[in-house]
Amino acid sequence: MNTGKTPSPAPGVESSAQPSAPAALPHDAKILVAGHRGLAGSAIMRALKRHSLPRVVGVSRAEVDLREQAAVRDLFARERPDYVFLAAARVGGILANCRYPADFLYDNLMIAANVVEAAHRVGVAKLLFLGSTCLYPRAAPQPMREDHLLTGPLEPTNEAYAIAKIAGLKLCEAFGRQHGLATVTLMPANLYGPGDNFDLEGGHVLAALLRKAHEAKRAGSAAITVWGTGTPLRDFLHADDLAEACLFAMACKECSGMFNVGSGEDISIAALARLVCETVGFTGGIVFDPEKPDGMPRKLADTGRLNALGWRARIALREGLAATYRWYAETCAKHGPEPLSP
């Protein structure tokens, strides 16, 4: 169990991710971050440190298996948190989602069910649940609003993950209606940043591209191969911007229900690949593999609801990408071809 040790800040990003509003969580509140070593969870830990909130408990997969109800109930009975950030999840890119749909569905269902129920048992003041913009229908209008959820078929390549997370979101709503549990769900755009999974098969597109370009530069390769056609459009959100949104939503009394979180801009995968190569310094070519799936044609989140309450993203993609690459090169790449475990 981690109590007080927070992941190191991302080089060059800490100063950019300033709070969107003063933290209003009680200084003596006990805060539980489930999944504190992952991409989102480690960013939340950094944000809690920036806001000088001292009573923070981190929970990783190695410490407590959140799929086991008894273990989760014991954890909550022992720690009795006031606020819970549920950042733990099985996540991955298109390849991982296609290969392991049962794992994505089962693990995320069990995590959500156990944590939300245990939070209700001990009477937490508020729980924040992390969803994703990939929960929206494949053909959702763009930009996607919160009321577009469940209005059409899901993207097949991430259907299992999306169904599990939608169930978790609805579970939060149901516990609120029946038992008065205060919850808020954030729907972040494509996340990136320090602590990401740079595995070429299990990672998300931006992290995988960074690693491909880095290793191609090191090997003197003529080109890198990018899955799909390069035409899909994605909104990329730095994890430290998400973390500030999480603290903002947790502290904001008006924040209940569901809110999109994104940068407000999108970029094609082809343009992203070029930006990654520029950042890394790889001057070779980019080859697209149209035999591989593209995923949703476009995912741009309408962040108007959260913006209206005072939160906005602050880290530009070029700045965040450069800082993420520095972190990768200093923390992961120097240890060999396989990244460190988050």
Protein backbone atom coordinates (compact mmCIF):
# COMPACT_ATOMS: atom_id res chain seq x y z
CA MET A 1 0.00 0.00 0.00
CA ASN A 2 1.38 3.38 -0.96
CA THR A 3 0.86 6.10 1.65
CA GLY A 4 2.54 9.36 0.87
CA LYS A 5 4.95 8.48 -1.93
CA THR A 6 3.87 10.03 -5.21
CA PRO A 7 5.25 9.35 -8.67
CA SER A 8 7.84 11.81 -9.91
CA PRO A 9 6.47 14.68 -12.00
CA ALA A 10 6.88 14.63 -15.74
CA PRO A 11 9.89 16.68 -16.86
CA GLY A 12 8.74 19.98 -18.33
CA VAL A 13 5.06 19.43 -17.60
CA GLU A 14 4.64 20.12 -13.89
CA SER A 15 4.68 23.89 -14.32
CA SER A 16 2.18 23.75 -17.21
CA ALA A 17 -0.47 21.74 -15.39
CA GLN A 18 -1.42 24.42 -12.90
CA PRO A 19 -4.76 24.02 -11.12
CA SER A 20 -7.77 25.33 -13.00
CA ALA A 21 -9.30 26.43 -9.68
CA PRO A 22 -8.24 26.33 -6.02
CA ALA A 23 -8.69 22.90 -4.45
CA ALA A 24 -11.70 22.80 -2.20
CA LEU A 25 -11.30 19.30 -0.79
CA PRO A 26 -10.90 19.38 2.99
CA HIS A 27 -7.22 19.40 3.92
CA ASP A 28 -7.67 16.56 6.42
CA ALA A 29 -9.75 14.36 4.11
CA LYS A 30 -8.53 10.83 3.50
CA ILE A 31 -8.25 10.17 -0.22
CA LEU A 32 -7.99 6.78 -1.89
CA VAL A 33 -6.60 6.52 -5.44
CA ALA A 34 -7.30 3.10 -6.95
CA GLY A 35 -4.80 2.42 -9.72
CA HIS A 36 -2.29 4.99 -8.51
CA ARG A 37 0.60 3.64 -10.61
CA GLY A 38 -1.18 3.76 -13.96
CA LEU A 39 -1.27 6.64 -16.41
CA ALA A 40 -4.31 8.41 -14.94
CA GLY A 41 -3.74 7.34 -11.34
CA SER A 42 -0.14 8.50 -11.17
CA ALA A 43 -1.18 11.87 -12.61
CA ILE A 44 -3.89 12.18 -9.95
CA MET A 45 -1.25 11.44 -7.30
CA ARG A 46 0.94 14.25 -8.68
CA ALA A 47 -2.02 16.64 -8.65
CA LEU A 48 -2.87 15.77 -5.04
CA LYS A 49 0.73 16.53 -4.13
CA ARG A 50 0.57 19.88 -5.96
CA HIS A 51 -2.55 20.72 -3.99
CA SER A 52 -0.79 19.77 -0.71
CA LEU A 53 -3.36 17.16 0.31
CA PRO A 54 -1.45 14.91 2.73
CA ARG A 55 -3.73 11.97 3.57
CA VAL A 56 -3.50 10.02 0.34
CA VAL A 57 -3.54 6.24 -0.06
CA GLY A 58 -2.58 4.63 -3.36
CA VAL A 59 -3.80 1.19 -4.38
CA SER A 60 -2.10 -0.75 -7.19
CA ARG A 61 -2.86 -4.14 -8.76
CA ALA A 62 0.05 -5.71 -6.86
CA GLU A 63 -1.33 -4.56 -3.52
CA VAL A 64 -5.06 -5.27 -3.80
CA ASP A 65 -6.85 -7.24 -6.51
CA LEU A 66 -9.88 -5.04 -7.08
CA ARG A 67 -11.63 -7.90 -8.89
CA GLU A 68 -11.97 -9.70 -5.53
CA GLN A 69 -14.91 -8.41 -3.49
CA ALA A 70 -13.59 -9.54 -0.10
CA ALA A 71 -10.24 -7.85 -0.68
CA VAL A 72 -11.92 -4.60 -1.69
CA ARG A 73 -14.29 -4.64 1.27
CA ASP A 74 -11.34 -5.23 3.61
CA LEU A 75 -9.44 -2.36 2.03
CA PHE A 76 -12.30 0.10 2.49
CA ALA A 77 -13.07 -1.10 6.02
CA ARG A 78 -9.41 -0.61 6.95
CA GLU A 79 -8.76 2.74 5.25
CA ARG A 80 -12.25 4.30 5.46
CA PRO A 81 -11.58 6.95 2.80
CA ASP A 82 -13.59 10.15 2.47
CA TYR A 83 -12.98 10.52 -1.27
CA VAL A 84 -12.25 7.85 -3.88
CA PHE A 85 -10.70 8.27 -7.33
CA LEU A 86 -11.42 5.09 -9.30
CA ALA A 87 -8.64 5.17 -11.91
CA ALA A 88 -7.95 1.42 -11.89
CA ALA A 89 -8.95 -0.39 -15.08
CA ARG A 90 -7.76 -2.85 -17.67
CA VAL A 91 -6.91 -0.64 -20.64
CA GLY A 92 -5.13 -1.05 -23.96
CA GLY A 93 -5.06 -0.20 -27.63
CA ILE A 94 -6.96 -1.76 -30.53
CA LEU A 95 -4.86 -4.93 -30.65
CA ALA A 96 -5.25 -5.70 -26.94
CA ASN A 97 -8.99 -5.00 -27.03
CA CYS A 98 -9.45 -7.32 -30.01
CA ARG A 99 -7.37 -10.14 -28.54
CA TYR A 100 -8.69 -10.13 -24.96
CA PRO A 101 -12.36 -9.07 -24.96
CA ALA A 102 -13.28 -11.40 -22.09
CA ASP A 103 -10.53 -9.95 -19.89
CA PHE A 104 -11.51 -6.36 -20.72
CA LEU A 105 -15.17 -7.05 -20.00
CA TYR A 106 -14.78 -9.16 -16.86
CA ASP A 107 -11.99 -7.22 -15.17
CA ASN A 108 -13.58 -3.80 -15.65
CA LEU A 109 -17.02 -5.04 -14.57
CA MET A 110 -15.63 -6.54 -11.36
CA ILE A 111 -13.46 -3.53 -10.51
CA ALA A 112 -16.35 -1.11 -10.86
CA ALA A 113 -18.85 -3.30 -9.01
CA ASN A 114 -16.57 -3.98 -6.05
CA VAL A 115 -15.23 -0.45 -5.58
CA VAL A 116 -18.56 1.35 -5.92
CA GLU A 117 -20.30 -1.08 -3.54
CA ALA A 118 -17.51 -0.82 -0.96
CA ALA A 119 -17.55 2.97 -1.19
CA HIS A 120 -21.25 2.92 -0.38
CA ARG A 121 -20.66 0.52 2.53
CA VAL A 122 -18.27 2.87 4.33
CA GLY A 123 -20.14 6.05 3.42
CA VAL A 124 -17.58 7.93 1.33
CA ALA A 125 -18.32 11.60 0.70
CA LYS A 126 -17.81 11.27 -3.06
CA LEU A 127 -16.47 8.84 -5.66
CA LEU A 128 -15.04 9.79 -9.05
CA PHE A 129 -15.31 7.19 -11.81
CA LEU A 130 -13.23 7.37 -14.98
CA GLY A 131 -14.91 6.43 -18.23
CA SER A 132 -13.64 7.24 -21.73
CA THR A 133 -14.83 8.86 -24.93
CA CYS A 134 -14.63 5.40 -26.54
CA LEU A 135 -17.88 4.63 -24.67
CA TYR A 136 -19.78 6.72 -27.19
CA PRO A 137 -21.37 5.18 -30.31
CA ARG A 138 -19.12 4.63 -33.29
CA ALA A 139 -21.22 7.02 -35.38
CA ALA A 140 -21.88 9.59 -32.65
CA PRO A 141 -22.28 13.18 -33.86
CA GLN A 142 -19.10 15.25 -33.57
CA PRO A 143 -18.13 16.73 -31.24
CA MET A 144 -19.63 14.15 -28.88
CA ARG A 145 -21.88 15.41 -26.09
CA GLU A 146 -22.74 13.57 -22.90
CA ASP A 147 -26.29 12.94 -24.10
CA HIS A 148 -24.96 10.96 -27.08
CA LEU A 149 -24.17 8.01 -24.82
CA LEU A 150 -26.20 4.88 -25.65
CA THR A 151 -27.71 6.38 -28.81
CA GLY A 152 -26.16 3.88 -31.26
CA PRO A 153 -23.92 0.83 -31.77
CA LEU A 154 -20.44 0.85 -30.24
CA GLU A 155 -17.13 0.63 -32.09
CA PRO A 156 -16.53 -3.16 -32.44
CA THR A 157 -12.80 -2.96 -31.68
CA ASN A 158 -13.41 -1.71 -28.13
CA GLU A 159 -16.93 -2.98 -27.47
CA ALA A 160 -16.06 -5.18 -24.47
CA TYR A 161 -14.22 -2.38 -22.67
CA ALA A 162 -16.95 0.12 -23.47
CA ILE A 163 -19.77 -2.12 -22.22
CA ALA A 164 -17.97 -2.72 -18.93
CA LYS A 165 -17.28 0.97 -18.36
CA ILE A 166 -20.83 1.97 -19.31
CA ALA A 167 -22.05 -0.55 -16.71
CA GLY A 168 -19.74 1.09 -14.14
CA LEU A 169 -21.04 4.53 -15.02
CA LYS A 170 -24.65 3.35 -14.70
CA LEU A 171 -23.81 1.61 -11.42
CA CYS A 172 -22.61 4.93 -10.03
CA GLU A 173 -25.87 6.55 -11.11
CA ALA A 174 -27.92 3.71 -9.59
CA PHE A 175 -26.14 3.87 -6.22
CA GLY A 176 -26.76 7.60 -6.25
CA ARG A 177 -30.48 7.22 -6.89
CA GLN A 178 -31.07 4.33 -4.49
CA HIS A 179 -28.54 5.00 -1.74
CA GLY A 180 -27.54 8.65 -2.08
CA LEU A 181 -23.91 7.91 -2.99
CA ALA A 182 -22.34 11.05 -4.42
CA THR A 183 -20.48 10.26 -7.65
CA VAL A 184 -19.16 12.00 -10.73
CA THR A 185 -17.97 10.36 -13.96
CA LEU A 186 -15.37 11.92 -16.24
CA MET A 187 -15.09 10.84 -19.87
CA PRO A 188 -11.53 11.67 -20.95
CA ALA A 189 -10.29 11.84 -24.51
CA ASN A 190 -7.26 9.75 -25.58
CA LEU A 191 -4.80 10.04 -22.71
CA TYR A 192 -1.03 10.24 -22.92
CA GLY A 193 1.83 11.25 -20.66
CA PRO A 194 4.33 9.87 -18.15
CA GLY A 195 3.35 6.47 -16.81
CA ASP A 196 1.80 5.38 -20.11
CA ASN A 197 2.12 1.84 -21.45
CA PHE A 198 4.65 1.89 -24.30
CA ASP A 199 4.17 -1.75 -25.23
CA LEU A 200 3.80 -2.06 -28.99
CA GLU A 201 0.95 -4.57 -28.73
CA GLY A 202 -0.90 -3.46 -25.59
CA GLY A 203 -0.35 0.29 -25.62
CA HIS A 204 -2.37 3.16 -27.04
CA VAL A 205 -1.52 4.80 -30.33
CA LEU A 206 0.51 7.81 -29.16
CA ALA A 207 2.72 5.83 -26.78
CA ALA A 208 3.25 3.08 -29.36
CA LEU A 209 4.20 5.64 -32.01
CA LEU A 210 6.71 7.28 -29.67
CA ARG A 211 8.39 3.97 -29.01
CA LYS A 212 8.36 2.97 -32.69
CA ALA A 213 9.94 6.25 -33.76
CA HIS A 214 12.52 6.11 -30.95
CA GLU A 215 13.59 2.57 -31.76
CA ALA A 216 13.60 3.26 -35.52
CA LYS A 217 15.86 6.27 -34.98
CA ARG A 218 18.19 4.22 -32.78
CA ALA A 219 18.31 1.38 -35.33
CA GLY A 220 18.65 3.63 -38.36
CA SER A 221 15.47 2.20 -39.91
CA ALA A 222 14.15 3.57 -43.17
CA ALA A 223 10.52 3.83 -42.03
CA ILE A 224 7.99 3.04 -39.32
CA THR A 225 4.68 1.27 -39.91
CA VAL A 226 1.46 2.76 -38.53
CA TRP A 227 -1.72 0.73 -38.15
CA GLY A 228 -4.67 1.70 -40.33
CA THR A 229 -5.10 4.40 -42.94
CA GLY A 230 -3.99 7.36 -40.83
CA THR A 231 -7.30 9.15 -41.43
CA PRO A 232 -9.06 8.73 -38.04
CA LEU A 233 -9.21 11.88 -35.92
CA ARG A 234 -8.42 11.81 -32.22
CA ASP A 235 -8.47 14.30 -29.34
CA PHE A 236 -5.36 13.81 -27.16
CA LEU A 237 -5.42 14.89 -23.51
CA HIS A 238 -2.35 15.02 -21.29
CA ALA A 239 -2.79 12.96 -18.12
CA ASP A 240 -1.87 15.95 -15.93
CA ASP A 241 -4.73 17.94 -17.47
CA LEU A 242 -7.06 15.05 -16.70
CA ALA A 243 -5.78 14.91 -13.12
CA GLU A 244 -6.59 18.58 -12.56
CA ALA A 245 -10.04 17.96 -14.02
CA CYS A 246 -10.47 15.08 -11.56
CA LEU A 247 -9.64 17.25 -8.55
CA PHE A 248 -11.81 20.04 -9.91
CA ALA A 249 -14.79 17.71 -10.39
CA MET A 250 -14.32 16.05 -7.01
CA ALA A 251 -14.27 19.40 -5.21
CA CYS A 252 -17.02 21.04 -7.28
CA LYS A 253 -20.43 20.70 -5.65
CA GLU A 254 -22.14 21.22 -9.02
CA CYS A 255 -20.23 18.28 -10.53
CA SER A 256 -22.39 15.18 -10.52
CA GLY A 257 -23.37 12.91 -13.35
CA MET A 258 -21.12 12.74 -16.42
CA PHE A 259 -18.67 15.25 -17.94
CA ASN A 260 -16.45 15.05 -21.00
CA VAL A 261 -12.80 16.01 -20.57
CA GLY A 262 -10.68 16.84 -23.61
CA SER A 263 -8.38 19.33 -25.25
CA GLY A 264 -11.09 20.68 -27.55
CA GLU A 265 -9.04 19.87 -30.67
CA ASP A 266 -8.39 16.75 -32.71
CA ILE A 267 -5.66 15.59 -35.06
CA SER A 268 -5.45 12.81 -37.63
CA ILE A 269 -3.33 9.77 -36.85
CA ALA A 270 -1.23 10.61 -39.91
CA ALA A 271 -0.52 14.11 -38.61
CA LEU A 272 0.17 12.71 -35.15
CA ALA A 273 2.69 10.25 -36.60
CA ARG A 274 4.49 13.12 -38.33
CA LEU A 275 4.53 15.17 -35.12
CA VAL A 276 5.87 12.19 -33.17
CA CYS A 277 8.67 11.64 -35.68
CA GLU A 278 9.54 15.34 -35.53
CA THR A 279 9.60 15.24 -31.72
CA VAL A 280 11.80 12.15 -31.62
CA GLY A 281 14.05 13.31 -34.44
CA PHE A 282 13.30 10.36 -36.70
CA THR A 283 13.70 11.44 -40.33
CA GLY A 284 12.64 8.20 -42.03
CA GLY A 285 9.36 7.46 -43.75
CA ILE A 286 5.91 6.59 -42.43
CA VAL A 287 4.08 3.61 -43.94
CA PHE A 288 0.40 3.01 -43.22
CA ASP A 289 -1.07 -0.49 -43.05
CA PRO A 290 -4.70 -0.27 -44.23
CA GLU A 291 -5.21 -3.98 -43.49
CA LYS A 292 -5.21 -3.10 -39.78
CA PRO A 293 -8.32 -1.55 -38.15
CA ASP A 294 -8.74 2.20 -37.77
CA GLY A 295 -11.23 2.16 -34.89
CA MET A 296 -13.76 4.99 -34.65
CA PRO A 297 -13.51 7.47 -37.54
CA ARG A 298 -13.48 10.44 -35.17
CA LYS A 299 -13.56 11.03 -31.41
CA LEU A 300 -13.80 14.67 -30.41
CA ALA A 301 -15.31 15.44 -27.03
CA ASP A 302 -17.58 18.42 -26.47
CA THR A 303 -16.25 19.76 -23.16
CA GLY A 304 -18.76 22.59 -22.84
CA ARG A 305 -20.37 21.30 -19.63
CA LEU A 306 -17.13 21.19 -17.65
CA ASN A 307 -15.75 24.35 -19.30
CA ALA A 308 -18.84 26.24 -18.17
CA LEU A 309 -17.97 25.40 -14.55
CA GLY A 310 -14.43 26.77 -14.92
CA TRP A 311 -12.13 23.94 -16.07
CA ARG A 312 -10.07 23.97 -19.27
CA ALA A 313 -7.16 21.91 -20.58
CA ARG A 314 -3.82 23.75 -20.46
CA ILE A 315 -1.15 21.51 -21.98
CA ALA A 316 -0.78 21.82 -25.76
CA LEU A 317 -0.14 18.58 -27.65
CA ARG A 318 3.30 19.62 -28.95
CA GLU A 319 4.45 20.59 -25.46
CA GLY A 320 3.00 17.52 -23.80
CA LEU A 321 4.39 15.20 -26.46
CA ALA A 322 7.92 16.59 -26.03
CA ALA A 323 7.73 16.17 -22.25
CA THR A 324 6.33 12.65 -22.57
CA TYR A 325 9.15 11.66 -24.92
CA ARG A 326 11.75 13.03 -22.49
CA TRP A 327 10.15 10.95 -19.74
CA TYR A 328 10.11 7.84 -21.92
CA ALA A 329 13.74 8.27 -22.99
CA GLU A 330 14.92 8.88 -19.43
CA THR A 331 12.71 6.37 -17.59
CA CYS A 332 11.87 3.53 -19.97
CA ALA A 333 14.08 3.37 -23.03
CA LYS A 334 17.39 3.36 -21.15
CA HIS A 335 16.36 0.15 -19.36
CA GLY A 336 16.13 -1.82 -22.61
CA PRO A 337 13.53 -2.56 -25.26
CA GLU A 338 10.72 -3.32 -22.80
CA PRO A 339 9.17 -0.42 -20.87
CA LEU A 340 9.02 -0.29 -17.10
CA SER A 341 5.75 -1.49 -15.60
CA PRO A 342 3.48 1.43 -14.63
